[in-house]
Amino acid sequence: MQHPSYRGSFKPFVSPRDPCPPITVKYFVLPPQIFTNFQQPGLPQFSPEEALIHGSLWPQFVDGFFREEGIS
């Protein structure tokens, strides 16, 4: 199953009078849970050890982003 891309970006307004260096592009992540209206019964599950590693019990809700990216 291919996961859709949950990343997005936008270009905020940059003021000519801003004293700080501008951030020209900002990135965001939409978690896969917000696209699920209800949890279907019988979804596959990780083992408890794997669930702790991935941060979710269900593989469907793992988005693949990590804290090292500064996103989660």
N, C-alpha and C. Protein backbone atom coordinates (compact mmCIF):
# COMPACT_ATOMS: atom_id res chain seq x y z
N MET A 1 0.84 -1.18 0.00
CA MET A 1 0.00 0.00 0.00
C MET A 1 0.88 1.24 0.00
N GLN A 2 0.63 2.13 -0.94
CA GLN A 2 1.40 3.36 -1.01
C GLN A 2 0.72 4.43 -0.17
N HIS A 3 1.52 5.11 0.67
CA HIS A 3 0.98 6.20 1.47
C HIS A 3 1.04 7.49 0.67
N PRO A 4 -0.02 8.27 0.70
CA PRO A 4 0.05 9.58 0.04
C PRO A 4 1.01 10.49 0.78
N SER A 5 1.44 11.52 0.13
CA SER A 5 2.38 12.46 0.75
C SER A 5 1.64 13.37 1.71
N TYR A 6 2.10 13.40 2.95
CA TYR A 6 1.47 14.23 3.97
C TYR A 6 2.28 15.50 4.23
N ARG A 7 3.28 15.75 3.42
CA ARG A 7 4.08 16.96 3.58
C ARG A 7 3.51 18.08 2.74
N GLY A 8 3.71 19.25 3.23
CA GLY A 8 3.29 20.42 2.47
C GLY A 8 4.24 21.57 2.76
N SER A 9 4.13 22.60 1.98
CA SER A 9 4.96 23.78 2.21
C SER A 9 4.20 25.01 1.74
N PHE A 10 4.62 26.14 2.26
CA PHE A 10 4.06 27.40 1.80
C PHE A 10 5.11 28.49 1.97
N LYS A 11 4.92 29.59 1.24
CA LYS A 11 5.84 30.72 1.31
C LYS A 11 5.17 31.84 2.09
N PRO A 12 5.64 32.11 3.30
CA PRO A 12 5.03 33.18 4.09
C PRO A 12 5.44 34.55 3.57
N PHE A 13 4.69 35.54 3.99
CA PHE A 13 5.02 36.92 3.63
C PHE A 13 6.34 37.31 4.30
N VAL A 14 7.21 37.94 3.54
CA VAL A 14 8.49 38.42 4.06
C VAL A 14 8.48 39.94 4.02
N SER A 15 8.53 40.54 5.17
CA SER A 15 8.50 41.99 5.26
C SER A 15 9.88 42.58 4.93
N PRO A 16 9.94 43.68 4.20
CA PRO A 16 11.24 44.30 3.94
C PRO A 16 11.83 44.92 5.20
N ARG A 17 11.02 45.12 6.23
CA ARG A 17 11.50 45.73 7.47
C ARG A 17 11.78 44.71 8.58
N ASP A 18 11.72 43.45 8.26
CA ASP A 18 11.97 42.41 9.26
C ASP A 18 13.44 42.42 9.66
N PRO A 19 13.75 42.54 10.97
CA PRO A 19 15.14 42.60 11.40
C PRO A 19 15.85 41.24 11.36
N CYS A 20 15.09 40.15 11.30
CA CYS A 20 15.68 38.81 11.30
C CYS A 20 15.79 38.30 9.87
N PRO A 21 16.69 37.35 9.62
CA PRO A 21 16.74 36.75 8.29
C PRO A 21 15.42 36.02 8.00
N PRO A 22 14.84 36.20 6.83
CA PRO A 22 13.53 35.62 6.56
C PRO A 22 13.59 34.11 6.34
N ILE A 23 12.51 33.45 6.73
CA ILE A 23 12.31 32.05 6.40
C ILE A 23 11.44 32.06 5.15
N THR A 24 12.01 31.69 4.02
CA THR A 24 11.30 31.84 2.75
C THR A 24 10.30 30.73 2.49
N VAL A 25 10.55 29.53 3.04
CA VAL A 25 9.62 28.42 2.86
C VAL A 25 9.42 27.74 4.21
N LYS A 26 8.16 27.50 4.58
CA LYS A 26 7.84 26.79 5.81
C LYS A 26 7.21 25.45 5.44
N TYR A 27 7.56 24.40 6.19
CA TYR A 27 7.07 23.06 5.92
C TYR A 27 6.15 22.60 7.03
N PHE A 28 5.20 21.73 6.68
CA PHE A 28 4.30 21.17 7.67
C PHE A 28 3.97 19.74 7.30
N VAL A 29 3.44 19.01 8.28
CA VAL A 29 3.06 17.61 8.09
C VAL A 29 1.62 17.43 8.56
N LEU A 30 0.84 16.74 7.76
CA LEU A 30 -0.51 16.37 8.16
C LEU A 30 -0.49 14.90 8.55
N PRO A 31 -0.86 14.57 9.78
CA PRO A 31 -0.83 13.16 10.19
C PRO A 31 -1.89 12.34 9.46
N PRO A 32 -1.61 11.08 9.16
CA PRO A 32 -2.57 10.26 8.41
C PRO A 32 -3.88 10.02 9.15
N GLN A 33 -3.89 10.18 10.48
CA GLN A 33 -5.11 9.94 11.25
C GLN A 33 -6.23 10.90 10.87
N ILE A 34 -5.90 12.12 10.44
CA ILE A 34 -6.96 13.09 10.16
C ILE A 34 -7.74 12.74 8.89
N PHE A 35 -7.22 11.82 8.08
CA PHE A 35 -7.92 11.41 6.86
C PHE A 35 -8.76 10.16 7.09
N THR A 36 -8.79 9.65 8.32
CA THR A 36 -9.55 8.45 8.65
C THR A 36 -10.78 8.86 9.45
N ASN A 37 -11.96 8.59 8.92
CA ASN A 37 -13.19 8.95 9.61
C ASN A 37 -13.45 8.06 10.82
N PHE A 38 -13.18 6.77 10.69
CA PHE A 38 -13.36 5.83 11.78
C PHE A 38 -12.33 4.72 11.61
N GLN A 39 -12.02 4.06 12.71
CA GLN A 39 -11.04 2.98 12.66
C GLN A 39 -11.75 1.69 12.31
N GLN A 40 -11.33 1.08 11.23
CA GLN A 40 -11.95 -0.15 10.77
C GLN A 40 -11.55 -1.30 11.69
N PRO A 41 -12.45 -2.25 11.93
CA PRO A 41 -12.08 -3.40 12.75
C PRO A 41 -11.13 -4.32 11.99
N GLY A 42 -10.24 -4.97 12.72
CA GLY A 42 -9.36 -5.96 12.13
C GLY A 42 -8.14 -5.40 11.42
N LEU A 43 -7.73 -4.18 11.73
CA LEU A 43 -6.53 -3.64 11.11
C LEU A 43 -5.30 -4.41 11.59
N PRO A 44 -4.30 -4.59 10.73
CA PRO A 44 -3.08 -5.24 11.20
C PRO A 44 -2.40 -4.40 12.27
N GLN A 45 -1.72 -5.09 13.20
CA GLN A 45 -1.08 -4.39 14.32
C GLN A 45 0.39 -4.78 14.41
N PHE A 46 1.19 -3.82 14.90
CA PHE A 46 2.59 -4.11 15.22
C PHE A 46 2.63 -4.89 16.53
N SER A 47 3.75 -5.56 16.77
CA SER A 47 3.97 -6.13 18.10
C SER A 47 4.20 -4.97 19.06
N PRO A 48 4.06 -5.19 20.38
CA PRO A 48 4.26 -4.08 21.32
C PRO A 48 5.64 -3.42 21.19
N GLU A 49 6.68 -4.19 20.94
CA GLU A 49 8.02 -3.62 20.79
C GLU A 49 8.11 -2.74 19.54
N GLU A 50 7.55 -3.23 18.43
CA GLU A 50 7.57 -2.44 17.20
C GLU A 50 6.70 -1.19 17.33
N ALA A 51 5.58 -1.31 18.05
CA ALA A 51 4.70 -0.16 18.23
C ALA A 51 5.41 0.96 18.98
N LEU A 52 6.23 0.62 19.95
CA LEU A 52 7.00 1.64 20.66
C LEU A 52 8.02 2.31 19.74
N ILE A 53 8.59 1.55 18.84
CA ILE A 53 9.57 2.12 17.90
C ILE A 53 8.89 3.06 16.90
N HIS A 54 7.73 2.62 16.37
CA HIS A 54 7.04 3.40 15.34
C HIS A 54 6.16 4.50 15.89
N GLY A 55 5.74 4.38 17.14
CA GLY A 55 4.88 5.39 17.73
C GLY A 55 3.41 5.18 17.48
N SER A 56 3.05 4.03 16.94
CA SER A 56 1.64 3.71 16.69
C SER A 56 1.49 2.20 16.69
N LEU A 57 0.33 1.73 17.13
CA LEU A 57 0.07 0.30 17.12
C LEU A 57 -0.29 -0.20 15.73
N TRP A 58 -0.83 0.69 14.88
CA TRP A 58 -1.31 0.30 13.57
C TRP A 58 -0.40 0.86 12.48
N PRO A 59 0.09 0.01 11.57
CA PRO A 59 0.95 0.49 10.47
C PRO A 59 0.28 1.54 9.59
N GLN A 60 -1.04 1.51 9.50
CA GLN A 60 -1.76 2.48 8.66
C GLN A 60 -1.53 3.91 9.14
N PHE A 61 -1.27 4.09 10.44
CA PHE A 61 -1.14 5.43 11.00
C PHE A 61 0.30 5.88 11.19
N VAL A 62 1.25 5.15 10.64
CA VAL A 62 2.65 5.56 10.72
C VAL A 62 2.94 6.42 9.51
N ASP A 63 3.38 7.67 9.75
CA ASP A 63 3.58 8.59 8.64
C ASP A 63 5.01 8.60 8.10
N GLY A 64 5.96 8.02 8.81
CA GLY A 64 7.32 7.94 8.30
C GLY A 64 8.18 9.15 8.60
N PHE A 65 7.72 10.08 9.41
CA PHE A 65 8.50 11.24 9.76
C PHE A 65 9.06 11.08 11.15
N PHE A 66 10.22 11.62 11.39
CA PHE A 66 10.94 11.40 12.64
C PHE A 66 11.28 12.71 13.30
N ARG A 67 11.55 12.66 14.58
CA ARG A 67 11.92 13.85 15.33
C ARG A 67 13.20 14.48 14.81
N GLU A 68 14.09 13.65 14.27
CA GLU A 68 15.36 14.19 13.76
C GLU A 68 15.12 15.19 12.63
N GLU A 69 13.99 15.05 11.94
CA GLU A 69 13.67 16.00 10.88
C GLU A 69 13.13 17.32 11.44
N GLY A 70 12.81 17.33 12.72
CA GLY A 70 12.26 18.53 13.31
C GLY A 70 10.79 18.72 13.03
N ILE A 71 10.11 17.65 12.65
CA ILE A 71 8.72 17.77 12.25
C ILE A 71 7.79 17.18 13.30
N SER A 72 8.08 16.00 13.83
CA SER A 72 7.17 15.32 14.75
C SER A 72 7.27 15.91 16.14
